[in-house]
Amino acid sequence: MKMPATPTAATLPLLVMVAALTLALAQHAAAQQCGSQVEGNTLCPNNLCCSKWGYCGLGAAYCGDGCQSGACCPNKRCGRQAGNATCDANQCCSQHGYCGFGVEYCGAGCQNGGCWADRYCSKENPCPNNLCCSRWGACGLGPEYCGDGCQGGACCQAASVAMADIIVNHDDTTSHHHSAAE
């Protein structure tokens, strides 16, 4: 029996399934290992999730149930509710035992991490780990901390001012612009 040269309605679903399975296996094989499956409990780069099987990636298979670190959905458990576990770098453990950023995690009842009650920041008293110090003296990330009035850390406006001082010349070299006030 001779096979048709083009996929038919009967063979097309099978071809799609084989292609999807091949792609999934290739991605899994190339994924970086992480978490408790690796010596040193390695974290994934760029906020990728570390799956319950110890591989870095994005999506439900990596960030869903059993996610060990990164941008887990739901958020990683911590504090009294999780055997006094701590959160990944820069995150706070809320009073309800979830890791994250913002007032609901770092404010009243925060159990560990960069809790605001434990820390008031200023130009003279900077936040840890390059967190921004807001105009109100709270450590965090995002526009409300790193935007207007940011007192230190990874402030958005400090970066934009620094970039404005660098000029790229037509010959691909760089020079620095100095204002008259300097």
C-alpha atoms as a PDB file:
ATOM      1  CA  MET A   1       0.000   0.000   0.000  1.00  0.00           C
ATOM      2  CA  LYS A   2       1.405   3.359  -1.034  1.00  0.00           C
ATOM      3  CA  MET A   3       1.321   6.261   1.499  1.00  0.00           C
ATOM      4  CA  PRO A   4      -0.125   9.567   0.281  1.00  0.00           C
ATOM      5  CA  ALA A   5       2.466  12.332  -0.337  1.00  0.00           C
ATOM      6  CA  THR A   6       0.490  14.925   1.624  1.00  0.00           C
ATOM      7  CA  PRO A   7      -1.131  14.549   5.049  1.00  0.00           C
ATOM      8  CA  THR A   8      -4.778  13.553   4.995  1.00  0.00           C
ATOM      9  CA  ALA A   9      -7.472  14.415   7.503  1.00  0.00           C
ATOM     10  CA  ALA A  10      -6.798  11.075   9.201  1.00  0.00           C
ATOM     11  CA  THR A  11      -3.005  11.492   9.517  1.00  0.00           C
ATOM     12  CA  LEU A  12      -2.827  15.219  10.309  1.00  0.00           C
ATOM     13  CA  PRO A  13      -3.752  14.892  14.032  1.00  0.00           C
ATOM     14  CA  LEU A  14      -1.109  12.187  14.452  1.00  0.00           C
ATOM     15  CA  LEU A  15       1.565  14.390  12.846  1.00  0.00           C
ATOM     16  CA  VAL A  16       0.633  17.342  15.076  1.00  0.00           C
ATOM     17  CA  MET A  17       0.814  15.155  18.186  1.00  0.00           C
ATOM     18  CA  VAL A  18       4.237  13.746  17.214  1.00  0.00           C
ATOM     19  CA  ALA A  19       5.576  17.267  16.523  1.00  0.00           C
ATOM     20  CA  ALA A  20       4.292  18.597  19.862  1.00  0.00           C
ATOM     21  CA  LEU A  21       5.761  15.655  21.779  1.00  0.00           C
ATOM     22  CA  THR A  22       9.123  16.054  20.035  1.00  0.00           C
ATOM     23  CA  LEU A  23       9.185  19.782  20.836  1.00  0.00           C
ATOM     24  CA  ALA A  24       8.272  19.202  24.498  1.00  0.00           C
ATOM     25  CA  LEU A  25      10.966  16.556  24.916  1.00  0.00           C
ATOM     26  CA  ALA A  26      13.579  18.766  23.251  1.00  0.00           C
ATOM     27  CA  GLN A  27      12.735  21.697  25.540  1.00  0.00           C
ATOM     28  CA  HIS A  28      12.835  19.477  28.631  1.00  0.00           C
ATOM     29  CA  ALA A  29      16.203  18.011  27.633  1.00  0.00           C
ATOM     30  CA  ALA A  30      17.701  21.482  27.108  1.00  0.00           C
ATOM     31  CA  ALA A  31      16.327  22.948  30.344  1.00  0.00           C
ATOM     32  CA  GLN A  32      18.794  23.907  33.070  1.00  0.00           C
ATOM     33  CA  GLN A  33      18.559  21.864  36.263  1.00  0.00           C
ATOM     34  CA  CYS A  34      17.724  23.606  39.534  1.00  0.00           C
ATOM     35  CA  GLY A  35      16.326  23.286  43.035  1.00  0.00           C
ATOM     36  CA  SER A  36      16.749  20.471  45.504  1.00  0.00           C
ATOM     37  CA  GLN A  37      17.700  18.075  42.696  1.00  0.00           C
ATOM     38  CA  VAL A  38      20.998  19.939  42.218  1.00  0.00           C
ATOM     39  CA  GLU A  39      23.819  20.270  44.744  1.00  0.00           C
ATOM     40  CA  GLY A  40      23.599  23.739  46.262  1.00  0.00           C
ATOM     41  CA  ASN A  41      19.852  24.101  45.545  1.00  0.00           C
ATOM     42  CA  THR A  42      20.521  26.159  42.376  1.00  0.00           C
ATOM     43  CA  LEU A  43      18.098  28.934  41.334  1.00  0.00           C
ATOM     44  CA  CYS A  44      17.036  29.504  37.719  1.00  0.00           C
ATOM     45  CA  PRO A  45      18.208  32.633  35.871  1.00  0.00           C
ATOM     46  CA  ASN A  46      15.906  35.520  34.885  1.00  0.00           C
ATOM     47  CA  ASN A  47      13.065  34.606  37.278  1.00  0.00           C
ATOM     48  CA  LEU A  48      12.361  31.354  35.444  1.00  0.00           C
ATOM     49  CA  CYS A  49      10.486  28.829  37.560  1.00  0.00           C
ATOM     50  CA  CYS A  50      12.158  25.725  38.975  1.00  0.00           C
ATOM     51  CA  SER A  51       9.704  22.843  38.537  1.00  0.00           C
ATOM     52  CA  LYS A  52       9.039  20.120  41.092  1.00  0.00           C
ATOM     53  CA  TRP A  53      11.253  17.898  38.902  1.00  0.00           C
ATOM     54  CA  GLY A  54      14.178  20.347  39.086  1.00  0.00           C
ATOM     55  CA  TYR A  55      14.151  22.022  35.652  1.00  0.00           C
ATOM     56  CA  CYS A  56      14.001  25.732  34.724  1.00  0.00           C
ATOM     57  CA  GLY A  57      11.242  27.041  32.489  1.00  0.00           C
ATOM     58  CA  LEU A  58       7.949  28.896  32.183  1.00  0.00           C
ATOM     59  CA  GLY A  59       4.351  27.732  32.082  1.00  0.00           C
ATOM     60  CA  ALA A  60       2.165  25.523  34.233  1.00  0.00           C
ATOM     61  CA  ALA A  61       4.549  22.536  34.142  1.00  0.00           C
ATOM     62  CA  TYR A  62       7.323  24.644  35.709  1.00  0.00           C
ATOM     63  CA  CYS A  63       5.498  27.388  37.665  1.00  0.00           C
ATOM     64  CA  GLY A  64       2.472  25.413  38.893  1.00  0.00           C
ATOM     65  CA  ASP A  65       2.091  22.903  41.726  1.00  0.00           C
ATOM     66  CA  GLY A  66       5.410  21.956  43.289  1.00  0.00           C
ATOM     67  CA  CYS A  67       7.318  24.945  41.869  1.00  0.00           C
ATOM     68  CA  GLN A  68      10.476  25.325  43.987  1.00  0.00           C
ATOM     69  CA  SER A  69      11.558  28.892  43.144  1.00  0.00           C
ATOM     70  CA  GLY A  70      11.160  31.733  40.665  1.00  0.00           C
ATOM     71  CA  ALA A  71       7.856  33.246  39.496  1.00  0.00           C
ATOM     72  CA  CYS A  72       5.761  30.377  40.891  1.00  0.00           C
ATOM     73  CA  CYS A  73       1.968  30.415  40.431  1.00  0.00           C
ATOM     74  CA  PRO A  74       0.596  30.180  42.987  1.00  0.00           C
ATOM     75  CA  ASN A  75       3.270  31.908  45.008  1.00  0.00           C
ATOM     76  CA  LYS A  76       5.733  29.762  46.919  1.00  0.00           C
ATOM     77  CA  ARG A  77       4.747  28.986  50.519  1.00  0.00           C
ATOM     78  CA  CYS A  78       6.875  30.208  53.436  1.00  0.00           C
ATOM     79  CA  GLY A  79       6.961  31.022  57.147  1.00  0.00           C
ATOM     80  CA  ARG A  80       5.056  29.214  59.898  1.00  0.00           C
ATOM     81  CA  GLN A  81       2.702  27.738  57.293  1.00  0.00           C
ATOM     82  CA  ALA A  82       5.587  25.967  55.510  1.00  0.00           C
ATOM     83  CA  GLY A  83       7.992  24.784  58.212  1.00  0.00           C
ATOM     84  CA  ASN A  84       9.570  28.264  58.546  1.00  0.00           C
ATOM     85  CA  ALA A  85      10.721  28.201  54.897  1.00  0.00           C
ATOM     86  CA  THR A  86      12.103  31.470  53.537  1.00  0.00           C
ATOM     87  CA  CYS A  87      11.435  33.118  50.178  1.00  0.00           C
ATOM     88  CA  ASP A  88      13.814  33.562  47.250  1.00  0.00           C
ATOM     89  CA  ALA A  89      16.045  36.642  47.141  1.00  0.00           C
ATOM     90  CA  ASN A  90      14.303  39.994  47.597  1.00  0.00           C
ATOM     91  CA  GLN A  91      10.851  38.520  48.367  1.00  0.00           C
ATOM     92  CA  CYS A  92       8.872  38.899  51.594  1.00  0.00           C
ATOM     93  CA  CYS A  93       6.886  36.179  53.366  1.00  0.00           C
ATOM     94  CA  SER A  94       3.348  37.458  54.046  1.00  0.00           C
ATOM     95  CA  GLN A  95       1.392  36.902  57.244  1.00  0.00           C
ATOM     96  CA  HIS A  96      -0.519  34.193  55.342  1.00  0.00           C
ATOM     97  CA  GLY A  97       2.651  32.321  54.309  1.00  0.00           C
ATOM     98  CA  TYR A  98       3.100  33.313  50.645  1.00  0.00           C
ATOM     99  CA  CYS A  99       6.183  34.836  48.956  1.00  0.00           C
ATOM    100  CA  GLY A 100       5.940  38.056  46.968  1.00  0.00           C
ATOM    101  CA  PHE A 101       6.467  41.810  46.730  1.00  0.00           C
ATOM    102  CA  GLY A 102       4.357  44.760  47.801  1.00  0.00           C
ATOM    103  CA  VAL A 103       2.401  45.825  50.837  1.00  0.00           C
ATOM    104  CA  GLU A 104       0.388  42.592  51.098  1.00  0.00           C
ATOM    105  CA  TYR A 105       3.639  40.608  51.486  1.00  0.00           C
ATOM    106  CA  CYS A 106       6.129  43.052  53.059  1.00  0.00           C
ATOM    107  CA  GLY A 107       3.752  45.109  55.218  1.00  0.00           C
ATOM    108  CA  ALA A 108       1.957  44.277  58.471  1.00  0.00           C
ATOM    109  CA  GLY A 109       2.436  40.671  59.570  1.00  0.00           C
ATOM    110  CA  CYS A 110       5.380  39.981  57.244  1.00  0.00           C
ATOM    111  CA  GLN A 111       7.218  36.917  58.613  1.00  0.00           C
ATOM    112  CA  ASN A 112      10.631  37.147  56.926  1.00  0.00           C
ATOM    113  CA  GLY A 113      12.496  38.638  53.976  1.00  0.00           C
ATOM    114  CA  GLY A 114      12.701  42.392  53.349  1.00  0.00           C
ATOM    115  CA  CYS A 115       9.785  43.221  55.666  1.00  0.00           C
ATOM    116  CA  TRP A 116       9.015  46.931  55.849  1.00  0.00           C
ATOM    117  CA  ALA A 117       8.391  46.884  59.577  1.00  0.00           C
ATOM    118  CA  ASP A 118      11.985  45.702  60.001  1.00  0.00           C
ATOM    119  CA  ARG A 119      13.453  48.281  57.667  1.00  0.00           C
ATOM    120  CA  TYR A 120      13.124  51.968  57.009  1.00  0.00           C
ATOM    121  CA  CYS A 121      15.313  53.095  54.119  1.00  0.00           C
ATOM    122  CA  SER A 122      16.796  56.408  53.037  1.00  0.00           C
ATOM    123  CA  LYS A 123      19.779  57.672  51.051  1.00  0.00           C
ATOM    124  CA  GLU A 124      21.907  56.997  54.131  1.00  0.00           C
ATOM    125  CA  ASN A 125      20.234  53.648  54.971  1.00  0.00           C
ATOM    126  CA  PRO A 126      19.873  51.788  51.615  1.00  0.00           C
ATOM    127  CA  CYS A 127      17.795  48.685  50.934  1.00  0.00           C
ATOM    128  CA  PRO A 128      19.490  45.282  50.533  1.00  0.00           C
ATOM    129  CA  ASN A 129      20.029  43.498  47.189  1.00  0.00           C
ATOM    130  CA  ASN A 130      19.556  46.625  44.990  1.00  0.00           C
ATOM    131  CA  LEU A 131      15.909  46.994  45.999  1.00  0.00           C
ATOM    132  CA  CYS A 132      14.649  50.543  45.458  1.00  0.00           C
ATOM    133  CA  CYS A 133      14.021  52.870  48.382  1.00  0.00           C
ATOM    134  CA  SER A 134      10.721  54.682  47.706  1.00  0.00           C
ATOM    135  CA  ARG A 135      10.041  58.324  48.513  1.00  0.00           C
ATOM    136  CA  TRP A 136       8.185  57.020  51.596  1.00  0.00           C
ATOM    137  CA  GLY A 137      11.182  55.038  52.877  1.00  0.00           C
ATOM    138  CA  ALA A 138      10.016  51.525  51.946  1.00  0.00           C
ATOM    139  CA  CYS A 139      12.102  48.901  50.100  1.00  0.00           C
ATOM    140  CA  GLY A 140      10.659  47.197  47.029  1.00  0.00           C
ATOM    141  CA  LEU A 141      10.591  46.846  43.248  1.00  0.00           C
ATOM    142  CA  GLY A 142       8.355  48.390  40.611  1.00  0.00           C
ATOM    143  CA  PRO A 143       7.323  51.910  39.647  1.00  0.00           C
ATOM    144  CA  GLU A 144       5.956  52.813  43.082  1.00  0.00           C
ATOM    145  CA  TYR A 145       9.415  52.181  44.600  1.00  0.00           C
ATOM    146  CA  CYS A 146      11.841  52.827  41.710  1.00  0.00           C
ATOM    147  CA  GLY A 147      10.007  55.732  40.021  1.00  0.00           C
ATOM    148  CA  ASP A 148       9.592  59.369  41.063  1.00  0.00           C
ATOM    149  CA  GLY A 149      11.245  60.146  44.384  1.00  0.00           C
ATOM    150  CA  CYS A 150      13.315  56.943  44.521  1.00  0.00           C
ATOM    151  CA  GLN A 151      16.094  57.486  47.082  1.00  0.00           C
ATOM    152  CA  GLY A 152      18.442  54.649  46.127  1.00  0.00           C
ATOM    153  CA  GLY A 153      18.834  51.168  44.660  1.00  0.00           C
ATOM    154  CA  ALA A 154      17.831  50.306  41.087  1.00  0.00           C
ATOM    155  CA  CYS A 155      15.947  53.597  40.585  1.00  0.00           C
ATOM    156  CA  CYS A 156      14.400  54.065  37.142  1.00  0.00           C
ATOM    157  CA  GLN A 157      15.326  57.723  36.876  1.00  0.00           C
ATOM    158  CA  ALA A 158      18.958  57.262  37.857  1.00  0.00           C
ATOM    159  CA  ALA A 159      19.285  54.776  34.986  1.00  0.00           C
ATOM    160  CA  SER A 160      17.633  57.136  32.484  1.00  0.00           C
ATOM    161  CA  VAL A 161      19.873  60.056  33.517  1.00  0.00           C
ATOM    162  CA  ALA A 162      22.981  57.887  33.193  1.00  0.00           C
ATOM    163  CA  MET A 163      21.913  56.719  29.730  1.00  0.00           C
ATOM    164  CA  ALA A 164      21.288  60.317  28.613  1.00  0.00           C
ATOM    165  CA  ASP A 165      24.926  61.123  29.393  1.00  0.00           C
ATOM    166  CA  ILE A 166      26.248  58.494  26.958  1.00  0.00           C
ATOM    167  CA  ILE A 167      26.391  59.467  23.299  1.00  0.00           C
ATOM    168  CA  VAL A 168      26.882  56.891  20.546  1.00  0.00           C
ATOM    169  CA  ASN A 169      28.930  58.406  17.708  1.00  0.00           C
ATOM    170  CA  HIS A 170      28.479  57.552  14.022  1.00  0.00           C
ATOM    171  CA  ASP A 171      31.683  55.475  14.088  1.00  0.00           C
ATOM    172  CA  ASP A 172      30.172  53.183  16.815  1.00  0.00           C
ATOM    173  CA  THR A 173      32.386  54.643  19.550  1.00  0.00           C
ATOM    174  CA  THR A 174      30.938  56.174  22.686  1.00  0.00           C
ATOM    175  CA  SER A 175      31.670  59.446  24.395  1.00  0.00           C
ATOM    176  CA  HIS A 176      30.359  61.002  27.563  1.00  0.00           C
ATOM    177  CA  HIS A 177      28.483  64.289  27.569  1.00  0.00           C
ATOM    178  CA  HIS A 178      29.321  66.619  30.436  1.00  0.00           C
ATOM    179  CA  SER A 179      26.920  69.429  31.219  1.00  0.00           C
ATOM    180  CA  ALA A 180      28.092  72.943  32.076  1.00  0.00           C
ATOM    181  CA  ALA A 181      26.987  72.417  35.679  1.00  0.00           C
ATOM    182  CA  GLU A 182      29.717  69.793  36.239  1.00  0.00           C
END
